[in-house]
Structures are given as C-alpha cells and as structure tokens.
Amino acid sequence: MGFFRNCFGWMLFFMGSFSISFSGDSQRNVPKEEVKILKKEEIKMETTLIILKPDCMEKGLAGEVIGRFCKEKFEIIGCKMMTLSENILKEHYAHLLSLPFFPEILAFMRSKPVLVIAFRGEGIIGKVRDLLGPTDSTLAPKGTIRGDWGTDKMCNIAHASDTEESAQKELKRFFTSDELFL
C-alpha cells in the first residue's frame, strides 16, 4: 500500500509543478542566450532493467527504492513480481556460473519473489548505477541505495544493468514486448 501511496504522492507533486500563467508574464522577451533548444540526438534516452532483490523485498523497501528512482523523473515502462527460475538465473548470471559461490547466489535469488522493473530516462543507466552505489554495499557511501540499506556484495538491494548492451539483453530476458509500455 505504501508503494502506491508514494507513487500517488509523486503524481500529485508533478501535476502541481506545472501551471499556466495567464497574467501576461509568460510573454516576456527571452534573450537568445537563455534559449537552448536540444536536438533529438542530444537527448540520450535509455531503458534499463532493475531487479529489486529478495533482501529488498524482505525488508519492505520496494516503495522507498522505487521512490528514489521516481524522484529522478525516471519513467516506469514495465513492472512485475516474479519468482526467478534456476534457468533464468543461470542465464542472467552466466558470467558467475563457474565460481564456487554461485549456488549461494542461486539460493538467495530464489528465496523470495523479486520485483523486476524497466525504467526509461535520459542517461538512465549511469544515473541508476550512481544512485545504487558500488556492488559491495560495505563500500557504498551513505545516501546511496546500497549504502543505506545493503549489507554486502550479494544482499545489496538491487541489480541494475551496467551498459546499454546488457540492458537490452536483460530486458528481453525478463519482459516480452507486450509487457513494456513505451
């Protein structure tokens, strides 16, 4: 319930942020140096995948974490709760399969349902990673999501795509095209 209340609050905030003035003030002459028109190629819209991990869900932090992303004006274009299968985790963490701690990752990521979210925004991949902080929560500064709520490298609240290429692969892994609303 807190998640929906939080989103509703942000919706009201943003709606209240836009007003139209009919007093004539909007007709002032704006010097050319104040006007900056961005060309389409200057705006780098990206889509990224976030997985709110079992520790996030267990601690009841989903609304808080999503709220931090919403404050940055990132747009949710897909969201679902799911229990991750062993097959999808083996594909997602293929680069860690041969490591001795992979069974721990598998057990942890299957311990509770997760929330999988597709966000869209300008330069979002780097911005999300900055908001999260380093993968190892013990090294993440306070004020970052992992620094505030994570406990270690595995229980670090969220997974986020690290490049545009991995974001595209991960989005296809967790969402069908019908589940993303662009």
N, C-alpha and C. Protein backbone atom coordinates (compact mmCIF):
# COMPACT_ATOMS: atom_id res chain seq x y z
N MET A 1 0.83 -1.19 0.00
CA MET A 1 0.00 0.00 0.00
C MET A 1 0.87 1.25 0.00
N GLY A 2 2.01 1.21 0.75
CA GLY A 2 2.90 2.35 0.82
C GLY A 2 3.46 2.72 -0.54
N PHE A 3 3.74 1.70 -1.36
CA PHE A 3 4.27 1.93 -2.70
C PHE A 3 3.30 2.78 -3.52
N PHE A 4 2.00 2.40 -3.50
CA PHE A 4 1.02 3.12 -4.30
C PHE A 4 0.79 4.52 -3.74
N ARG A 5 0.81 4.65 -2.42
CA ARG A 5 0.66 5.96 -1.81
C ARG A 5 1.83 6.86 -2.22
N ASN A 6 3.03 6.30 -2.22
CA ASN A 6 4.23 7.04 -2.61
C ASN A 6 4.12 7.50 -4.06
N CYS A 7 3.74 6.59 -4.95
CA CYS A 7 3.60 6.95 -6.37
C CYS A 7 2.51 8.00 -6.58
N PHE A 8 1.39 7.86 -5.84
CA PHE A 8 0.30 8.82 -5.95
C PHE A 8 0.78 10.20 -5.49
N GLY A 9 1.57 10.20 -4.40
CA GLY A 9 2.11 11.47 -3.90
C GLY A 9 2.99 12.14 -4.93
N TRP A 10 3.84 11.36 -5.59
CA TRP A 10 4.72 11.93 -6.62
C TRP A 10 3.89 12.43 -7.80
N MET A 11 2.83 11.69 -8.15
CA MET A 11 1.99 12.12 -9.26
C MET A 11 1.37 13.49 -8.94
N LEU A 12 0.87 13.65 -7.72
CA LEU A 12 0.29 14.94 -7.32
C LEU A 12 1.34 16.04 -7.32
N PHE A 13 2.55 15.71 -6.86
CA PHE A 13 3.65 16.68 -6.85
C PHE A 13 3.94 17.17 -8.25
N PHE A 14 4.09 16.22 -9.19
CA PHE A 14 4.43 16.61 -10.55
C PHE A 14 3.28 17.35 -11.22
N MET A 15 2.05 16.95 -10.94
CA MET A 15 0.91 17.66 -11.52
C MET A 15 0.88 19.10 -11.01
N GLY A 16 1.21 19.29 -9.73
CA GLY A 16 1.21 20.62 -9.14
C GLY A 16 2.37 21.47 -9.59
N SER A 17 3.39 20.84 -10.15
CA SER A 17 4.58 21.56 -10.60
C SER A 17 4.35 22.31 -11.90
N PHE A 18 3.30 21.95 -12.61
CA PHE A 18 3.05 22.58 -13.90
C PHE A 18 1.84 23.49 -13.77
N SER A 19 2.03 24.75 -14.02
CA SER A 19 0.91 25.68 -14.01
C SER A 19 1.04 26.62 -15.19
N ILE A 20 -0.06 27.16 -15.59
CA ILE A 20 -0.07 28.06 -16.73
C ILE A 20 -0.43 29.45 -16.23
N SER A 21 0.34 30.41 -16.60
CA SER A 21 0.10 31.78 -16.17
C SER A 21 -0.59 32.53 -17.30
N PHE A 22 -1.67 33.20 -16.97
CA PHE A 22 -2.39 34.00 -17.96
C PHE A 22 -2.25 35.49 -17.66
N SER A 23 -1.31 35.83 -16.76
CA SER A 23 -1.17 37.22 -16.34
C SER A 23 -0.36 38.07 -17.31
N GLY A 24 0.16 37.44 -18.34
CA GLY A 24 0.95 38.20 -19.29
C GLY A 24 2.44 38.05 -19.05
N ASP A 25 2.82 37.50 -17.87
CA ASP A 25 4.24 37.31 -17.55
C ASP A 25 4.91 36.37 -18.53
N SER A 26 4.15 35.45 -19.08
CA SER A 26 4.75 34.47 -19.98
C SER A 26 5.10 35.07 -21.33
N GLN A 27 4.74 36.34 -21.55
CA GLN A 27 5.01 36.98 -22.82
C GLN A 27 6.31 37.78 -22.83
N ARG A 28 7.10 37.69 -21.73
CA ARG A 28 8.33 38.49 -21.67
C ARG A 28 9.29 38.08 -22.78
N ASN A 29 10.14 38.99 -23.16
CA ASN A 29 11.15 38.69 -24.17
C ASN A 29 12.29 37.93 -23.53
N VAL A 30 12.64 36.82 -24.08
CA VAL A 30 13.71 35.98 -23.55
C VAL A 30 14.94 36.21 -24.42
N PRO A 31 16.05 36.65 -23.80
CA PRO A 31 17.27 36.83 -24.60
C PRO A 31 17.69 35.51 -25.24
N LYS A 32 18.27 35.60 -26.44
CA LYS A 32 18.64 34.41 -27.18
C LYS A 32 19.57 33.49 -26.39
N GLU A 33 20.46 34.06 -25.55
CA GLU A 33 21.39 33.22 -24.81
C GLU A 33 20.68 32.38 -23.74
N GLU A 34 19.44 32.73 -23.35
CA GLU A 34 18.69 31.94 -22.38
C GLU A 34 18.00 30.76 -23.04
N VAL A 35 17.81 30.82 -24.32
CA VAL A 35 17.06 29.78 -25.02
C VAL A 35 18.02 28.72 -25.52
N LYS A 36 17.79 27.48 -25.09
CA LYS A 36 18.60 26.38 -25.58
C LYS A 36 17.65 25.32 -26.10
N ILE A 37 17.73 25.06 -27.37
CA ILE A 37 16.88 24.04 -27.98
C ILE A 37 17.73 22.79 -28.15
N LEU A 38 17.29 21.72 -27.51
CA LEU A 38 18.03 20.47 -27.62
C LEU A 38 17.61 19.73 -28.88
N LYS A 39 18.59 19.28 -29.60
CA LYS A 39 18.32 18.45 -30.77
C LYS A 39 18.06 17.04 -30.29
N LYS A 40 17.29 16.27 -31.04
CA LYS A 40 16.97 14.90 -30.66
C LYS A 40 18.21 14.09 -30.32
N GLU A 41 19.25 14.24 -31.10
CA GLU A 41 20.46 13.44 -30.86
C GLU A 41 21.20 13.85 -29.59
N GLU A 42 20.88 15.04 -29.01
CA GLU A 42 21.50 15.48 -27.76
C GLU A 42 20.84 14.83 -26.55
N ILE A 43 19.61 14.37 -26.70
CA ILE A 43 18.88 13.73 -25.62
C ILE A 43 19.10 12.23 -25.72
N LYS A 44 19.79 11.66 -24.74
CA LYS A 44 20.15 10.24 -24.75
C LYS A 44 19.17 9.47 -23.88
N MET A 45 18.04 9.07 -24.48
CA MET A 45 17.05 8.29 -23.75
C MET A 45 17.51 6.83 -23.75
N GLU A 46 17.49 6.23 -22.58
CA GLU A 46 17.89 4.83 -22.43
C GLU A 46 16.82 4.10 -21.62
N THR A 47 16.84 2.79 -21.75
CA THR A 47 16.00 1.93 -20.95
C THR A 47 16.90 0.97 -20.21
N THR A 48 16.57 0.70 -18.96
CA THR A 48 17.40 -0.18 -18.14
C THR A 48 16.53 -1.13 -17.33
N LEU A 49 17.15 -2.17 -16.84
CA LEU A 49 16.46 -3.16 -16.01
C LEU A 49 16.95 -3.04 -14.57
N ILE A 50 16.01 -3.08 -13.66
CA ILE A 50 16.30 -3.10 -12.23
C ILE A 50 15.61 -4.34 -11.66
N ILE A 51 16.31 -5.08 -10.84
CA ILE A 51 15.68 -6.18 -10.10
C ILE A 51 15.79 -5.83 -8.62
N LEU A 52 14.67 -5.68 -7.96
CA LEU A 52 14.67 -5.48 -6.52
C LEU A 52 14.79 -6.87 -5.91
N LYS A 53 15.95 -7.12 -5.32
CA LYS A 53 16.34 -8.45 -4.86
C LYS A 53 15.56 -8.90 -3.61
N PRO A 54 15.69 -10.19 -3.26
CA PRO A 54 14.96 -10.71 -2.09
C PRO A 54 15.20 -9.93 -0.79
N ASP A 55 16.41 -9.42 -0.56
CA ASP A 55 16.65 -8.66 0.67
C ASP A 55 15.85 -7.35 0.68
N CYS A 56 15.70 -6.74 -0.48
CA CYS A 56 14.89 -5.52 -0.60
C CYS A 56 13.42 -5.84 -0.29
N MET A 57 12.95 -6.94 -0.85
CA MET A 57 11.55 -7.33 -0.66
C MET A 57 11.30 -7.72 0.80
N GLU A 58 12.23 -8.46 1.39
CA GLU A 58 12.09 -8.91 2.78
C GLU A 58 12.08 -7.73 3.75
N LYS A 59 12.87 -6.72 3.47
CA LYS A 59 12.95 -5.54 4.34
C LYS A 59 11.81 -4.55 4.08
N GLY A 60 10.97 -4.81 3.07
CA GLY A 60 9.86 -3.91 2.76
C GLY A 60 10.30 -2.57 2.21
N LEU A 61 11.39 -2.58 1.42
CA LEU A 61 11.97 -1.33 0.91
C LEU A 61 11.61 -1.01 -0.54
N ALA A 62 10.79 -1.84 -1.17
CA ALA A 62 10.50 -1.63 -2.59
C ALA A 62 9.98 -0.22 -2.87
N GLY A 63 9.04 0.25 -2.08
CA GLY A 63 8.49 1.60 -2.29
C GLY A 63 9.53 2.69 -2.12
N GLU A 64 10.40 2.54 -1.11
CA GLU A 64 11.46 3.51 -0.87
C GLU A 64 12.44 3.56 -2.04
N VAL A 65 12.84 2.38 -2.52
CA VAL A 65 13.81 2.32 -3.62
C VAL A 65 13.20 2.88 -4.90
N ILE A 66 11.99 2.46 -5.21
CA ILE A 66 11.32 2.98 -6.40
C ILE A 66 11.13 4.48 -6.29
N GLY A 67 10.82 4.94 -5.09
CA GLY A 67 10.65 6.39 -4.86
C GLY A 67 11.91 7.18 -5.19
N ARG A 68 13.06 6.62 -4.87
CA ARG A 68 14.32 7.32 -5.20
C ARG A 68 14.49 7.44 -6.71
N PHE A 69 14.10 6.39 -7.43
CA PHE A 69 14.19 6.46 -8.90
C PHE A 69 13.16 7.44 -9.45
N CYS A 70 11.97 7.45 -8.88
CA CYS A 70 10.92 8.36 -9.34
C CYS A 70 11.31 9.82 -9.09
N LYS A 71 12.03 10.10 -8.01
CA LYS A 71 12.49 11.47 -7.73
C LYS A 71 13.40 11.98 -8.84
N GLU A 72 14.06 11.05 -9.52
CA GLU A 72 14.94 11.42 -10.63
C GLU A 72 14.18 11.55 -11.95
N LYS A 73 12.86 11.40 -11.86
CA LYS A 73 11.96 11.52 -13.02
C LYS A 73 12.17 10.39 -14.03
N PHE A 74 12.59 9.21 -13.55
CA PHE A 74 12.67 8.05 -14.42
C PHE A 74 11.26 7.50 -14.61
N GLU A 75 10.98 7.03 -15.79
CA GLU A 75 9.65 6.55 -16.14
C GLU A 75 9.61 5.02 -16.08
N ILE A 76 8.66 4.48 -15.33
CA ILE A 76 8.46 3.03 -15.30
C ILE A 76 7.71 2.63 -16.56
N ILE A 77 8.31 1.74 -17.35
CA ILE A 77 7.64 1.29 -18.57
C ILE A 77 7.30 -0.19 -18.52
N GLY A 78 7.66 -0.85 -17.44
CA GLY A 78 7.32 -2.25 -17.23
C GLY A 78 7.64 -2.63 -15.80
N CYS A 79 6.77 -3.46 -15.20
CA CYS A 79 6.98 -3.85 -13.81
C CYS A 79 6.23 -5.14 -13.55
N LYS A 80 6.91 -6.11 -12.90
CA LYS A 80 6.22 -7.32 -12.49
C LYS A 80 6.96 -8.00 -11.36
N MET A 81 6.18 -8.72 -10.55
CA MET A 81 6.76 -9.50 -9.47
C MET A 81 6.84 -10.93 -9.97
N MET A 82 7.97 -11.58 -9.67
CA MET A 82 8.13 -12.95 -10.13
C MET A 82 9.09 -13.72 -9.25
N THR A 83 8.93 -15.04 -9.25
CA THR A 83 9.91 -15.93 -8.64
C THR A 83 10.84 -16.35 -9.77
N LEU A 84 12.11 -16.18 -9.57
CA LEU A 84 13.08 -16.45 -10.64
C LEU A 84 13.40 -17.94 -10.71
N SER A 85 13.35 -18.48 -11.90
CA SER A 85 13.67 -19.90 -12.10
C SER A 85 15.17 -20.10 -12.12
N GLU A 86 15.58 -21.33 -11.89
CA GLU A 86 17.00 -21.65 -11.94
C GLU A 86 17.56 -21.37 -13.33
N ASN A 87 16.79 -21.69 -14.37
CA ASN A 87 17.26 -21.46 -15.74
C ASN A 87 17.49 -19.99 -16.05
N ILE A 88 16.56 -19.14 -15.64
CA ILE A 88 16.72 -17.71 -15.93
C ILE A 88 17.90 -17.15 -15.14
N LEU A 89 18.11 -17.64 -13.93
CA LEU A 89 19.24 -17.17 -13.13
C LEU A 89 20.58 -17.65 -13.70
N LYS A 90 20.61 -18.86 -14.21
CA LYS A 90 21.84 -19.36 -14.85
C LYS A 90 22.17 -18.53 -16.08
N GLU A 91 21.15 -18.13 -16.82
CA GLU A 91 21.37 -17.28 -17.99
C GLU A 91 21.81 -15.87 -17.56
N HIS A 92 21.12 -15.34 -16.56
CA HIS A 92 21.40 -13.97 -16.10
C HIS A 92 22.79 -13.86 -15.47
N TYR A 93 23.17 -14.86 -14.72
CA TYR A 93 24.47 -14.85 -14.04
C TYR A 93 25.45 -15.82 -14.70
N ALA A 94 25.38 -15.96 -15.99
CA ALA A 94 26.26 -16.89 -16.72
C ALA A 94 27.73 -16.61 -16.46
N HIS A 95 28.10 -15.37 -16.28
CA HIS A 95 29.48 -14.99 -16.03
C HIS A 95 29.98 -15.45 -14.65
N LEU A 96 29.07 -15.91 -13.79
CA LEU A 96 29.44 -16.36 -12.44
C LEU A 96 29.23 -17.86 -12.23
N LEU A 97 28.72 -18.54 -13.25
CA LEU A 97 28.37 -19.97 -13.13
C LEU A 97 29.50 -20.84 -12.59
N SER A 98 30.71 -20.61 -13.01
CA SER A 98 31.82 -21.48 -12.63
C SER A 98 32.43 -21.13 -11.27
N LEU A 99 31.97 -20.07 -10.66
CA LEU A 99 32.54 -19.65 -9.38
C LEU A 99 31.95 -20.46 -8.23
N PRO A 100 32.73 -20.71 -7.20
CA PRO A 100 32.29 -21.59 -6.10
C PRO A 100 31.08 -21.06 -5.33
N PHE A 101 30.85 -19.75 -5.35
CA PHE A 101 29.73 -19.19 -4.60
C PHE A 101 28.44 -19.08 -5.42
N PHE A 102 28.45 -19.57 -6.67
CA PHE A 102 27.23 -19.46 -7.49
C PHE A 102 26.02 -20.13 -6.83
N PRO A 103 26.16 -21.31 -6.22
CA PRO A 103 24.98 -21.91 -5.56
C PRO A 103 24.36 -21.00 -4.50
N GLU A 104 25.18 -20.19 -3.82
CA GLU A 104 24.66 -19.24 -2.84
C GLU A 104 23.82 -18.15 -3.53
N ILE A 105 24.32 -17.68 -4.66
CA ILE A 105 23.57 -16.67 -5.42
C ILE A 105 22.23 -17.25 -5.85
N LEU A 106 22.27 -18.44 -6.37
CA LEU A 106 21.06 -19.13 -6.84
C LEU A 106 20.05 -19.26 -5.69
N ALA A 107 20.52 -19.75 -4.55
CA ALA A 107 19.62 -19.92 -3.39
C ALA A 107 19.06 -18.57 -2.93
N PHE A 108 19.91 -17.55 -2.87
CA PHE A 108 19.47 -16.23 -2.43
C PHE A 108 18.43 -15.65 -3.38
N MET A 109 18.72 -15.66 -4.67
CA MET A 109 17.82 -15.04 -5.65
C MET A 109 16.50 -15.80 -5.79
N ARG A 110 16.46 -17.05 -5.35
CA ARG A 110 15.21 -17.84 -5.39
C ARG A 110 14.49 -17.84 -4.06
N SER A 111 15.05 -17.21 -3.04
CA SER A 111 14.50 -17.27 -1.69
C SER A 111 13.18 -16.52 -1.52
N LYS A 112 12.93 -15.55 -2.34
CA LYS A 112 11.69 -14.74 -2.29
C LYS A 112 11.40 -14.22 -3.69
N PRO A 113 10.15 -13.91 -3.96
CA PRO A 113 9.86 -13.24 -5.24
C PRO A 113 10.59 -11.90 -5.31
N VAL A 114 10.91 -11.48 -6.51
CA VAL A 114 11.58 -10.20 -6.75
C VAL A 114 10.67 -9.30 -7.57
N LEU A 115 11.01 -8.04 -7.60
CA LEU A 115 10.29 -7.09 -8.43
C LEU A 115 11.22 -6.71 -9.57
N VAL A 116 10.78 -6.94 -10.80
CA VAL A 116 11.57 -6.64 -11.99
C VAL A 116 10.95 -5.41 -12.65
N ILE A 117 11.77 -4.38 -12.86
CA ILE A 117 11.26 -3.11 -13.36
C ILE A 117 12.08 -2.62 -14.54
N ALA A 118 11.39 -2.15 -15.57
CA ALA A 118 12.04 -1.50 -16.71
C ALA A 118 11.80 0.00 -16.54
N PHE A 119 12.90 0.75 -16.47
CA PHE A 119 12.84 2.21 -16.35
C PHE A 119 13.39 2.83 -17.63
N ARG A 120 12.88 4.01 -17.95
CA ARG A 120 13.35 4.76 -19.11
C ARG A 120 13.66 6.18 -18.65
N GLY A 121 14.75 6.73 -19.19
CA GLY A 121 15.10 8.10 -18.84
C GLY A 121 16.36 8.53 -19.56
N GLU A 122 16.62 9.80 -19.47
CA GLU A 122 17.80 10.37 -20.11
C GLU A 122 19.06 9.93 -19.36
N GLY A 123 19.97 9.24 -20.05
CA GLY A 123 21.21 8.77 -19.43
C GLY A 123 20.99 7.90 -18.22
N ILE A 124 19.93 7.14 -18.20
CA ILE A 124 19.47 6.43 -17.00
C ILE A 124 20.44 5.36 -16.49
N ILE A 125 21.15 4.69 -17.37
CA ILE A 125 22.00 3.57 -16.93
C ILE A 125 23.06 4.06 -15.95
N GLY A 126 23.77 5.08 -16.30
CA GLY A 126 24.79 5.63 -15.40
C GLY A 126 24.17 6.25 -14.15
N LYS A 127 23.06 6.94 -14.31
CA LYS A 127 22.42 7.60 -13.17
C LYS A 127 21.92 6.58 -12.15
N VAL A 128 21.34 5.48 -12.64
CA VAL A 128 20.86 4.43 -11.73
C VAL A 128 22.03 3.83 -10.97
N ARG A 129 23.11 3.56 -11.66
CA ARG A 129 24.27 2.95 -11.00
C ARG A 129 24.86 3.91 -9.96
N ASP A 130 24.82 5.20 -10.23
CA ASP A 130 25.27 6.18 -9.24
C ASP A 130 24.35 6.19 -8.01
N LEU A 131 23.03 6.12 -8.24
CA LEU A 131 22.07 6.10 -7.14
C LEU A 131 22.24 4.85 -6.28
N LEU A 132 22.55 3.72 -6.93
CA LEU A 132 22.72 2.47 -6.19
C LEU A 132 24.00 2.47 -5.38
N GLY A 133 25.08 2.96 -5.93
CA GLY A 133 26.38 2.86 -5.28
C GLY A 133 27.07 1.58 -5.71
N PRO A 134 28.30 1.34 -5.21
CA PRO A 134 29.06 0.15 -5.60
C PRO A 134 28.32 -1.15 -5.26
N THR A 135 28.63 -2.20 -6.02
CA THR A 135 28.01 -3.52 -5.81
C THR A 135 28.21 -3.99 -4.37
N ASP A 136 29.39 -3.80 -3.83
CA ASP A 136 29.67 -4.18 -2.46
C ASP A 136 29.11 -3.10 -1.54
N SER A 137 28.02 -3.43 -0.87
CA SER A 137 27.33 -2.46 -0.02
C SER A 137 28.20 -1.91 1.09
N THR A 138 29.19 -2.68 1.52
CA THR A 138 30.07 -2.21 2.60
C THR A 138 30.95 -1.05 2.14
N LEU A 139 31.10 -0.91 0.81
CA LEU A 139 31.90 0.18 0.26
C LEU A 139 31.05 1.34 -0.25
N ALA A 140 29.73 1.15 -0.26
CA ALA A 140 28.81 2.16 -0.79
C ALA A 140 28.61 3.28 0.23
N PRO A 141 28.75 4.53 -0.22
CA PRO A 141 28.57 5.64 0.72
C PRO A 141 27.11 5.80 1.15
N LYS A 142 26.93 6.32 2.37
CA LYS A 142 25.58 6.66 2.85
C LYS A 142 24.97 7.64 1.86
N GLY A 143 23.68 7.52 1.67
CA GLY A 143 22.99 8.35 0.70
C GLY A 143 22.74 7.61 -0.60
N THR A 144 23.51 6.53 -0.84
CA THR A 144 23.21 5.66 -1.99
C THR A 144 22.28 4.57 -1.48
N ILE A 145 21.58 3.94 -2.39
CA ILE A 145 20.63 2.90 -2.02
C ILE A 145 21.33 1.75 -1.31
N ARG A 146 22.44 1.29 -1.86
CA ARG A 146 23.17 0.18 -1.24
C ARG A 146 23.85 0.63 0.06
N GLY A 147 24.33 1.84 0.10
CA GLY A 147 24.96 2.35 1.31
C GLY A 147 23.98 2.51 2.45
N ASP A 148 22.74 2.81 2.14
CA ASP A 148 21.72 2.99 3.18
C ASP A 148 21.11 1.67 3.64
N TRP A 149 20.94 0.70 2.71
CA TRP A 149 20.17 -0.49 3.07
C TRP A 149 20.86 -1.83 2.78
N GLY A 150 21.90 -1.85 1.96
CA GLY A 150 22.56 -3.11 1.63
C GLY A 150 23.44 -3.58 2.77
N THR A 151 23.82 -4.88 2.72
CA THR A 151 24.67 -5.41 3.78
C THR A 151 26.00 -5.95 3.26
N ASP A 152 26.03 -6.44 2.01
CA ASP A 152 27.28 -6.99 1.46
C ASP A 152 27.18 -7.03 -0.07
N LYS A 153 28.00 -7.85 -0.72
CA LYS A 153 28.01 -7.91 -2.19
C LYS A 153 26.76 -8.58 -2.76
N MET A 154 26.20 -9.57 -2.04
CA MET A 154 25.02 -10.27 -2.55
C MET A 154 23.73 -9.60 -2.09
N CYS A 155 23.65 -9.30 -0.83
CA CYS A 155 22.46 -8.64 -0.28
C CYS A 155 22.65 -7.13 -0.43
N ASN A 156 22.50 -6.70 -1.67
CA ASN A 156 22.78 -5.29 -1.99
C ASN A 156 21.57 -4.59 -2.61
N ILE A 157 20.39 -5.06 -2.26
CA ILE A 157 19.10 -4.44 -2.55
C ILE A 157 18.64 -4.57 -4.01
N ALA A 158 19.52 -4.31 -4.97
CA ALA A 158 19.05 -4.28 -6.36
C ALA A 158 20.15 -4.64 -7.35
N HIS A 159 19.70 -5.21 -8.46
CA HIS A 159 20.57 -5.40 -9.63
C HIS A 159 20.19 -4.31 -10.61
N ALA A 160 21.18 -3.79 -11.34
CA ALA A 160 20.91 -2.82 -12.40
C ALA A 160 21.81 -3.12 -13.59
N SER A 161 21.29 -2.97 -14.77
CA SER A 161 22.08 -3.15 -15.99
C SER A 161 23.26 -2.19 -15.97
N ASP A 162 24.41 -2.66 -16.48
CA ASP A 162 25.61 -1.81 -16.43
C ASP A 162 25.95 -1.14 -17.75
N THR A 163 25.39 -1.61 -18.85
CA THR A 163 25.63 -1.00 -20.16
C THR A 163 24.33 -1.05 -20.97
N GLU A 164 24.29 -0.29 -22.06
CA GLU A 164 23.12 -0.34 -22.93
C GLU A 164 22.94 -1.74 -23.52
N GLU A 165 24.07 -2.36 -23.89
CA GLU A 165 24.01 -3.70 -24.47
C GLU A 165 23.44 -4.72 -23.47
N SER A 166 23.94 -4.70 -22.24
CA SER A 166 23.41 -5.64 -21.25
C SER A 166 21.96 -5.30 -20.90
N ALA A 167 21.61 -4.04 -20.88
CA ALA A 167 20.23 -3.65 -20.60
C ALA A 167 19.28 -4.25 -21.63
N GLN A 168 19.65 -4.18 -22.91
CA GLN A 168 18.79 -4.74 -23.95
C GLN A 168 18.63 -6.25 -23.79
N LYS A 169 19.73 -6.95 -23.50
CA LYS A 169 19.66 -8.40 -23.29
C LYS A 169 18.80 -8.73 -22.06
N GLU A 170 19.03 -8.01 -20.99
CA GLU A 170 18.31 -8.28 -19.75
C GLU A 170 16.82 -7.96 -19.87
N LEU A 171 16.49 -6.87 -20.54
CA LEU A 171 15.08 -6.53 -20.74
C LEU A 171 14.38 -7.64 -21.51
N LYS A 172 15.02 -8.18 -22.54
CA LYS A 172 14.43 -9.28 -23.31
C LYS A 172 14.32 -10.55 -22.48
N ARG A 173 15.23 -10.74 -21.56
CA ARG A 173 15.22 -11.93 -20.70
C ARG A 173 14.03 -11.90 -19.75
N PHE A 174 13.66 -10.73 -19.25
CA PHE A 174 12.64 -10.64 -18.21
C PHE A 174 11.28 -10.11 -18.68
N PHE A 175 11.23 -9.49 -19.85
CA PHE A 175 9.98 -8.92 -20.35
C PHE A 175 9.73 -9.35 -21.79
N THR A 176 8.47 -9.57 -22.12
CA THR A 176 8.10 -9.71 -23.53
C THR A 176 7.81 -8.31 -24.05
N SER A 177 7.76 -8.14 -25.35
CA SER A 177 7.49 -6.81 -25.90
C SER A 177 6.11 -6.31 -25.48
N ASP A 178 5.16 -7.21 -25.22
CA ASP A 178 3.82 -6.82 -24.79
C ASP A 178 3.81 -6.26 -23.37
N GLU A 179 4.86 -6.53 -22.61
CA GLU A 179 4.91 -6.11 -21.22
C GLU A 179 5.62 -4.78 -21.01
N LEU A 180 6.15 -4.20 -22.07
CA LEU A 180 6.82 -2.91 -21.97
C LEU A 180 5.97 -1.86 -22.66
N PHE A 181 5.78 -0.74 -21.99
CA PHE A 181 4.90 0.32 -22.47
C PHE A 181 5.74 1.57 -22.74
N LEU A 182 6.13 1.74 -23.98
CA LEU A 182 6.99 2.85 -24.38
C LEU A 182 6.18 4.08 -24.71
